[in-house]
Amino acid sequence: MTGIGAASRTRATPAAAAALAVGLALLSGCAAEEKPSADGKSGALATATWQPLGRGFQPLPETAKADSIPAVENGKVWDAGAVAGISCKRAEDSFELALGLSGTVDGKAEETRRVLVELMQKYVDRAKRQNECAG
């Protein structure tokens, strides 16, 4: 149900793992109508991928029809998912995290977008705090 992208250095894996743990904690703390389920109507998936600073983030395809997420670094949302790309600058090292959420809320596109925006804002905030990112 969850995935962590391959890290090119083992020492950086804890950063992605910490961000992913934040995503899972957010999903487990959702209100009943937002919880992942196996009923085929609602569900969610959180991902976190570590990458070297300066690598940049993969653009979404035009078909995604994504909108920006206000106040989220490189944040985009569409009918079935949301992404953010954050830069984490620390005294000992710096890196980027590509965060992703995908899922649906009972097949309702507008409600799904609303929930994904709210979750992504929390996911980014907590990932930055957990990894002690400056700024």
N, C-alpha and C. Protein backbone atom coordinates (compact mmCIF):
# COMPACT_ATOMS: atom_id res chain seq x y z
N MET A 1 0.82 -1.20 0.00
CA MET A 1 0.00 0.00 0.00
C MET A 1 0.86 1.26 0.00
N THR A 2 2.10 1.18 0.43
CA THR A 2 2.95 2.36 0.42
C THR A 2 4.21 2.07 -0.35
N GLY A 3 4.89 3.12 -0.77
CA GLY A 3 6.14 2.92 -1.49
C GLY A 3 7.13 4.01 -1.19
N ILE A 4 8.36 3.62 -1.17
CA ILE A 4 9.44 4.60 -1.03
C ILE A 4 10.30 4.44 -2.25
N GLY A 5 10.57 5.54 -2.96
CA GLY A 5 11.44 5.48 -4.13
C GLY A 5 12.85 5.12 -3.72
N ALA A 6 13.56 4.52 -4.60
CA ALA A 6 14.93 4.10 -4.30
C ALA A 6 15.82 5.31 -4.07
N ALA A 7 16.58 5.26 -3.02
CA ALA A 7 17.51 6.33 -2.71
C ALA A 7 18.88 5.95 -3.25
N SER A 8 19.59 6.93 -3.76
CA SER A 8 20.91 6.63 -4.30
C SER A 8 21.95 6.48 -3.20
N ARG A 9 21.64 6.94 -2.01
CA ARG A 9 22.55 6.79 -0.88
C ARG A 9 21.79 6.24 0.30
N THR A 10 22.35 5.27 0.99
CA THR A 10 21.66 4.64 2.11
C THR A 10 21.44 5.62 3.25
N ARG A 11 22.36 6.52 3.48
CA ARG A 11 22.22 7.44 4.61
C ARG A 11 21.02 8.36 4.48
N ALA A 12 20.51 8.56 3.30
CA ALA A 12 19.38 9.45 3.10
C ALA A 12 18.04 8.74 3.21
N THR A 13 18.05 7.43 3.22
CA THR A 13 16.81 6.67 3.29
C THR A 13 15.96 7.05 4.50
N PRO A 14 16.53 7.30 5.67
CA PRO A 14 15.69 7.69 6.81
C PRO A 14 14.84 8.95 6.55
N ALA A 15 15.32 9.87 5.72
CA ALA A 15 14.54 11.06 5.42
C ALA A 15 13.27 10.69 4.67
N ALA A 16 13.37 9.83 3.67
CA ALA A 16 12.19 9.40 2.93
C ALA A 16 11.29 8.56 3.83
N ALA A 17 11.89 7.70 4.64
CA ALA A 17 11.10 6.88 5.55
C ALA A 17 10.35 7.75 6.55
N ALA A 18 11.01 8.78 7.05
CA ALA A 18 10.36 9.68 8.00
C ALA A 18 9.20 10.42 7.34
N ALA A 19 9.42 10.89 6.11
CA ALA A 19 8.34 11.58 5.40
C ALA A 19 7.19 10.65 5.12
N LEU A 20 7.48 9.42 4.74
CA LEU A 20 6.44 8.45 4.47
C LEU A 20 5.67 8.12 5.75
N ALA A 21 6.37 8.00 6.86
CA ALA A 21 5.70 7.73 8.14
C ALA A 21 4.74 8.86 8.48
N VAL A 22 5.13 10.10 8.17
CA VAL A 22 4.26 11.24 8.38
C VAL A 22 2.99 11.09 7.53
N GLY A 23 3.17 10.72 6.26
CA GLY A 23 2.02 10.53 5.37
C GLY A 23 1.08 9.47 5.89
N LEU A 24 1.61 8.37 6.35
CA LEU A 24 0.77 7.30 6.88
C LEU A 24 0.07 7.73 8.15
N ALA A 25 0.76 8.49 9.00
CA ALA A 25 0.13 8.99 10.21
C ALA A 25 -1.02 9.93 9.87
N LEU A 26 -0.82 10.77 8.86
CA LEU A 26 -1.90 11.67 8.44
C LEU A 26 -3.10 10.87 7.93
N LEU A 27 -2.84 9.86 7.11
CA LEU A 27 -3.94 9.07 6.56
C LEU A 27 -4.66 8.31 7.66
N SER A 28 -3.95 7.80 8.65
CA SER A 28 -4.60 7.05 9.72
C SER A 28 -5.39 7.98 10.64
N GLY A 29 -5.07 9.26 10.63
CA GLY A 29 -5.80 10.21 11.46
C GLY A 29 -6.93 10.93 10.75
N CYS A 30 -7.30 10.48 9.57
CA CYS A 30 -8.37 11.12 8.80
C CYS A 30 -9.73 10.89 9.45
N ALA A 31 -10.63 11.78 9.13
CA ALA A 31 -12.02 11.58 9.55
C ALA A 31 -12.56 10.35 8.83
N ALA A 32 -13.64 9.76 9.34
CA ALA A 32 -14.18 8.51 8.80
C ALA A 32 -14.40 8.56 7.30
N GLU A 33 -14.92 9.67 6.77
CA GLU A 33 -15.21 9.74 5.35
C GLU A 33 -13.96 9.89 4.49
N GLU A 34 -12.80 10.14 5.13
CA GLU A 34 -11.57 10.33 4.39
C GLU A 34 -10.61 9.15 4.53
N LYS A 35 -10.94 8.16 5.35
CA LYS A 35 -10.02 7.04 5.59
C LYS A 35 -9.91 6.14 4.38
N PRO A 36 -8.71 5.60 4.17
CA PRO A 36 -8.54 4.60 3.11
C PRO A 36 -9.44 3.40 3.43
N SER A 37 -9.99 2.79 2.41
CA SER A 37 -10.83 1.63 2.65
C SER A 37 -10.68 0.64 1.52
N ALA A 38 -11.22 -0.53 1.74
CA ALA A 38 -11.15 -1.59 0.74
C ALA A 38 -12.51 -1.81 0.09
N ASP A 39 -13.41 -0.86 0.21
CA ASP A 39 -14.75 -1.03 -0.34
C ASP A 39 -14.84 -0.67 -1.82
N GLY A 40 -13.73 -0.25 -2.42
CA GLY A 40 -13.74 0.11 -3.83
C GLY A 40 -14.23 1.51 -4.09
N LYS A 41 -14.65 2.23 -3.06
CA LYS A 41 -15.17 3.58 -3.24
C LYS A 41 -14.17 4.64 -2.81
N SER A 42 -13.47 4.41 -1.73
CA SER A 42 -12.52 5.38 -1.21
C SER A 42 -11.20 4.69 -0.93
N GLY A 43 -10.12 5.43 -1.00
CA GLY A 43 -8.82 4.87 -0.69
C GLY A 43 -7.74 5.90 -0.89
N ALA A 44 -6.55 5.64 -0.36
CA ALA A 44 -5.45 6.59 -0.49
C ALA A 44 -4.12 5.85 -0.43
N LEU A 45 -3.11 6.47 -1.04
CA LEU A 45 -1.75 5.94 -1.08
C LEU A 45 -0.80 7.12 -0.88
N ALA A 46 0.16 6.96 0.03
CA ALA A 46 1.17 8.00 0.27
C ALA A 46 2.52 7.51 -0.20
N THR A 47 3.29 8.39 -0.85
CA THR A 47 4.64 8.06 -1.28
C THR A 47 5.60 9.17 -0.90
N ALA A 48 6.86 8.81 -0.70
CA ALA A 48 7.92 9.78 -0.43
C ALA A 48 9.18 9.27 -1.12
N THR A 49 9.80 10.13 -1.90
CA THR A 49 11.02 9.74 -2.61
C THR A 49 12.11 10.76 -2.33
N TRP A 50 13.24 10.29 -1.81
CA TRP A 50 14.41 11.14 -1.56
C TRP A 50 15.17 11.30 -2.86
N GLN A 51 15.72 12.50 -3.06
CA GLN A 51 16.60 12.73 -4.21
C GLN A 51 17.59 13.83 -3.86
N PRO A 52 18.73 13.87 -4.56
CA PRO A 52 19.73 14.90 -4.29
C PRO A 52 19.17 16.30 -4.56
N LEU A 53 19.66 17.26 -3.82
CA LEU A 53 19.26 18.65 -4.00
C LEU A 53 19.62 19.12 -5.40
N GLY A 54 18.71 19.83 -6.05
CA GLY A 54 18.97 20.40 -7.36
C GLY A 54 18.54 19.52 -8.52
N ARG A 55 18.09 18.34 -8.24
CA ARG A 55 17.68 17.43 -9.31
C ARG A 55 16.39 17.88 -9.99
N GLY A 56 15.53 18.53 -9.26
CA GLY A 56 14.25 18.98 -9.82
C GLY A 56 13.20 17.89 -9.75
N PHE A 57 11.97 18.27 -10.05
CA PHE A 57 10.86 17.34 -9.93
C PHE A 57 10.21 17.10 -11.29
N GLN A 58 9.79 15.89 -11.49
CA GLN A 58 9.19 15.50 -12.76
C GLN A 58 7.87 16.24 -12.97
N PRO A 59 7.68 16.85 -14.14
CA PRO A 59 6.42 17.55 -14.40
C PRO A 59 5.28 16.56 -14.61
N LEU A 60 4.09 17.01 -14.31
CA LEU A 60 2.90 16.18 -14.53
C LEU A 60 2.51 16.24 -16.00
N PRO A 61 1.90 15.18 -16.51
CA PRO A 61 1.42 15.23 -17.89
C PRO A 61 0.27 16.24 -18.03
N GLU A 62 0.14 16.83 -19.20
CA GLU A 62 -0.93 17.80 -19.46
C GLU A 62 -2.31 17.22 -19.17
N THR A 63 -2.47 15.92 -19.39
CA THR A 63 -3.77 15.28 -19.20
C THR A 63 -4.22 15.25 -17.75
N ALA A 64 -3.33 15.51 -16.80
CA ALA A 64 -3.69 15.50 -15.39
C ALA A 64 -4.62 16.65 -15.02
N LYS A 65 -4.57 17.74 -15.78
CA LYS A 65 -5.40 18.92 -15.49
C LYS A 65 -5.26 19.34 -14.03
N ALA A 66 -4.01 19.52 -13.62
CA ALA A 66 -3.70 19.83 -12.23
C ALA A 66 -3.79 21.32 -11.95
N ASP A 67 -4.12 21.63 -10.71
CA ASP A 67 -4.14 23.00 -10.20
C ASP A 67 -3.07 23.12 -9.13
N SER A 68 -2.54 24.33 -8.96
CA SER A 68 -1.55 24.58 -7.91
C SER A 68 -2.21 24.49 -6.54
N ILE A 69 -1.42 24.06 -5.56
CA ILE A 69 -1.88 24.06 -4.18
C ILE A 69 -1.25 25.27 -3.51
N PRO A 70 -2.06 26.24 -3.09
CA PRO A 70 -1.51 27.44 -2.46
C PRO A 70 -0.67 27.10 -1.22
N ALA A 71 0.44 27.78 -1.07
CA ALA A 71 1.33 27.66 0.09
C ALA A 71 2.00 26.30 0.20
N VAL A 72 2.03 25.51 -0.89
CA VAL A 72 2.74 24.23 -0.88
C VAL A 72 3.79 24.27 -1.98
N GLU A 73 5.05 24.09 -1.58
CA GLU A 73 6.17 24.13 -2.52
C GLU A 73 6.00 23.08 -3.62
N ASN A 74 5.94 23.53 -4.86
CA ASN A 74 5.75 22.65 -6.02
C ASN A 74 4.51 21.77 -5.89
N GLY A 75 3.47 22.29 -5.23
CA GLY A 75 2.26 21.51 -4.99
C GLY A 75 1.27 21.57 -6.15
N LYS A 76 0.75 20.41 -6.51
CA LYS A 76 -0.26 20.28 -7.56
C LYS A 76 -1.30 19.26 -7.11
N VAL A 77 -2.55 19.49 -7.51
CA VAL A 77 -3.63 18.56 -7.20
C VAL A 77 -4.46 18.32 -8.45
N TRP A 78 -4.95 17.12 -8.61
CA TRP A 78 -5.86 16.78 -9.70
C TRP A 78 -6.92 15.85 -9.13
N ASP A 79 -7.80 15.33 -9.98
CA ASP A 79 -8.96 14.57 -9.49
C ASP A 79 -8.62 13.31 -8.70
N ALA A 80 -7.45 12.75 -8.87
CA ALA A 80 -7.14 11.50 -8.16
C ALA A 80 -5.78 11.53 -7.46
N GLY A 81 -5.17 12.72 -7.31
CA GLY A 81 -3.88 12.75 -6.65
C GLY A 81 -3.36 14.13 -6.38
N ALA A 82 -2.26 14.17 -5.64
CA ALA A 82 -1.58 15.43 -5.32
C ALA A 82 -0.10 15.14 -5.17
N VAL A 83 0.74 16.09 -5.54
CA VAL A 83 2.18 15.96 -5.39
C VAL A 83 2.75 17.26 -4.82
N ALA A 84 3.91 17.13 -4.20
CA ALA A 84 4.66 18.29 -3.74
C ALA A 84 6.13 17.93 -3.81
N GLY A 85 6.95 18.90 -4.10
CA GLY A 85 8.39 18.71 -4.11
C GLY A 85 9.02 19.71 -3.18
N ILE A 86 9.61 19.23 -2.09
CA ILE A 86 10.18 20.16 -1.11
C ILE A 86 11.69 20.03 -1.07
N SER A 87 12.33 21.15 -0.84
CA SER A 87 13.78 21.19 -0.65
C SER A 87 14.04 21.25 0.85
N CYS A 88 14.89 20.37 1.33
CA CYS A 88 15.21 20.32 2.75
C CYS A 88 16.67 20.71 2.91
N LYS A 89 16.90 21.87 3.50
CA LYS A 89 18.26 22.34 3.72
C LYS A 89 18.57 22.26 5.20
N ARG A 90 19.63 21.47 5.49
CA ARG A 90 20.06 21.28 6.87
C ARG A 90 21.56 21.52 6.94
N ALA A 91 22.06 21.76 8.12
CA ALA A 91 23.49 22.02 8.30
C ALA A 91 24.34 20.84 7.83
N GLU A 92 23.90 19.62 8.16
CA GLU A 92 24.71 18.44 7.82
C GLU A 92 24.54 17.96 6.38
N ASP A 93 23.38 18.19 5.78
CA ASP A 93 23.15 17.80 4.38
C ASP A 93 21.88 18.47 3.87
N SER A 94 21.72 18.45 2.57
CA SER A 94 20.53 19.01 1.94
C SER A 94 20.03 18.01 0.90
N PHE A 95 18.72 17.97 0.70
CA PHE A 95 18.12 17.02 -0.23
C PHE A 95 16.73 17.50 -0.61
N GLU A 96 16.10 16.79 -1.51
CA GLU A 96 14.72 17.07 -1.90
C GLU A 96 13.87 15.85 -1.60
N LEU A 97 12.62 16.09 -1.30
CA LEU A 97 11.65 15.02 -1.12
C LEU A 97 10.50 15.25 -2.09
N ALA A 98 10.19 14.23 -2.86
CA ALA A 98 9.01 14.26 -3.73
C ALA A 98 7.93 13.50 -2.97
N LEU A 99 6.87 14.19 -2.60
CA LEU A 99 5.78 13.60 -1.84
C LEU A 99 4.58 13.41 -2.75
N GLY A 100 3.88 12.33 -2.57
CA GLY A 100 2.71 12.07 -3.39
C GLY A 100 1.58 11.47 -2.59
N LEU A 101 0.39 11.83 -2.95
CA LEU A 101 -0.83 11.24 -2.40
C LEU A 101 -1.73 10.92 -3.57
N SER A 102 -2.34 9.78 -3.55
CA SER A 102 -3.32 9.48 -4.59
C SER A 102 -4.49 8.75 -3.94
N GLY A 103 -5.64 8.89 -4.55
CA GLY A 103 -6.82 8.21 -4.02
C GLY A 103 -8.09 8.92 -4.42
N THR A 104 -9.17 8.41 -3.91
CA THR A 104 -10.48 8.99 -4.19
C THR A 104 -11.33 8.99 -2.92
N VAL A 105 -12.32 9.85 -2.90
CA VAL A 105 -13.30 9.89 -1.82
C VAL A 105 -14.64 9.55 -2.45
N ASP A 106 -15.02 8.31 -2.35
CA ASP A 106 -16.31 7.83 -2.84
C ASP A 106 -16.61 8.29 -4.26
N GLY A 107 -15.56 8.41 -5.09
CA GLY A 107 -15.75 8.76 -6.50
C GLY A 107 -16.15 10.20 -6.77
N LYS A 108 -16.06 11.08 -5.78
CA LYS A 108 -16.45 12.48 -5.93
C LYS A 108 -15.21 13.34 -6.16
N ALA A 109 -15.04 13.82 -7.39
CA ALA A 109 -13.82 14.54 -7.78
C ALA A 109 -13.57 15.79 -6.94
N GLU A 110 -14.55 16.63 -6.76
CA GLU A 110 -14.35 17.88 -6.00
C GLU A 110 -14.01 17.60 -4.54
N GLU A 111 -14.68 16.64 -3.94
CA GLU A 111 -14.40 16.28 -2.55
C GLU A 111 -13.00 15.66 -2.45
N THR A 112 -12.64 14.83 -3.43
CA THR A 112 -11.30 14.24 -3.44
C THR A 112 -10.24 15.32 -3.51
N ARG A 113 -10.41 16.29 -4.39
CA ARG A 113 -9.43 17.39 -4.49
C ARG A 113 -9.31 18.14 -3.18
N ARG A 114 -10.42 18.44 -2.54
CA ARG A 114 -10.42 19.17 -1.28
C ARG A 114 -9.64 18.39 -0.21
N VAL A 115 -9.94 17.11 -0.10
CA VAL A 115 -9.28 16.26 0.90
C VAL A 115 -7.78 16.14 0.59
N LEU A 116 -7.43 15.93 -0.68
CA LEU A 116 -6.03 15.80 -1.05
C LEU A 116 -5.24 17.07 -0.79
N VAL A 117 -5.82 18.23 -1.05
CA VAL A 117 -5.14 19.51 -0.77
C VAL A 117 -4.88 19.63 0.73
N GLU A 118 -5.89 19.35 1.52
CA GLU A 118 -5.75 19.45 2.98
C GLU A 118 -4.68 18.46 3.49
N LEU A 119 -4.74 17.23 3.01
CA LEU A 119 -3.75 16.24 3.44
C LEU A 119 -2.34 16.60 2.99
N MET A 120 -2.20 17.10 1.77
CA MET A 120 -0.86 17.45 1.25
C MET A 120 -0.27 18.61 2.04
N GLN A 121 -1.08 19.59 2.40
CA GLN A 121 -0.58 20.71 3.21
C GLN A 121 -0.03 20.18 4.53
N LYS A 122 -0.75 19.27 5.16
CA LYS A 122 -0.30 18.69 6.43
C LYS A 122 0.92 17.79 6.22
N TYR A 123 0.92 17.03 5.14
CA TYR A 123 2.02 16.12 4.82
C TYR A 123 3.33 16.91 4.66
N VAL A 124 3.29 17.99 3.90
CA VAL A 124 4.47 18.83 3.68
C VAL A 124 4.94 19.46 4.99
N ASP A 125 4.02 20.04 5.76
CA ASP A 125 4.39 20.68 7.02
C ASP A 125 5.06 19.69 7.97
N ARG A 126 4.46 18.53 8.11
CA ARG A 126 5.00 17.54 9.04
C ARG A 126 6.29 16.92 8.51
N ALA A 127 6.41 16.72 7.22
CA ALA A 127 7.65 16.17 6.65
C ALA A 127 8.81 17.14 6.89
N LYS A 128 8.55 18.44 6.73
CA LYS A 128 9.59 19.44 6.99
C LYS A 128 9.99 19.45 8.46
N ARG A 129 9.01 19.38 9.35
CA ARG A 129 9.33 19.36 10.78
C ARG A 129 10.09 18.08 11.17
N GLN A 130 9.60 16.94 10.69
CA GLN A 130 10.21 15.65 11.01
C GLN A 130 11.66 15.57 10.55
N ASN A 131 11.95 16.14 9.39
CA ASN A 131 13.30 16.10 8.83
C ASN A 131 14.14 17.30 9.22
N GLU A 132 13.58 18.17 10.07
CA GLU A 132 14.27 19.37 10.55
C GLU A 132 14.81 20.21 9.41
N CYS A 133 13.94 20.46 8.43
CA CYS A 133 14.31 21.28 7.28
C CYS A 133 14.25 22.75 7.64
N ALA A 134 15.23 23.52 7.21
CA ALA A 134 15.24 24.96 7.45
C ALA A 134 14.29 25.65 6.47
N GLY A 135 13.67 26.71 6.94
CA GLY A 135 12.83 27.52 6.05
C GLY A 135 11.58 26.92 5.78
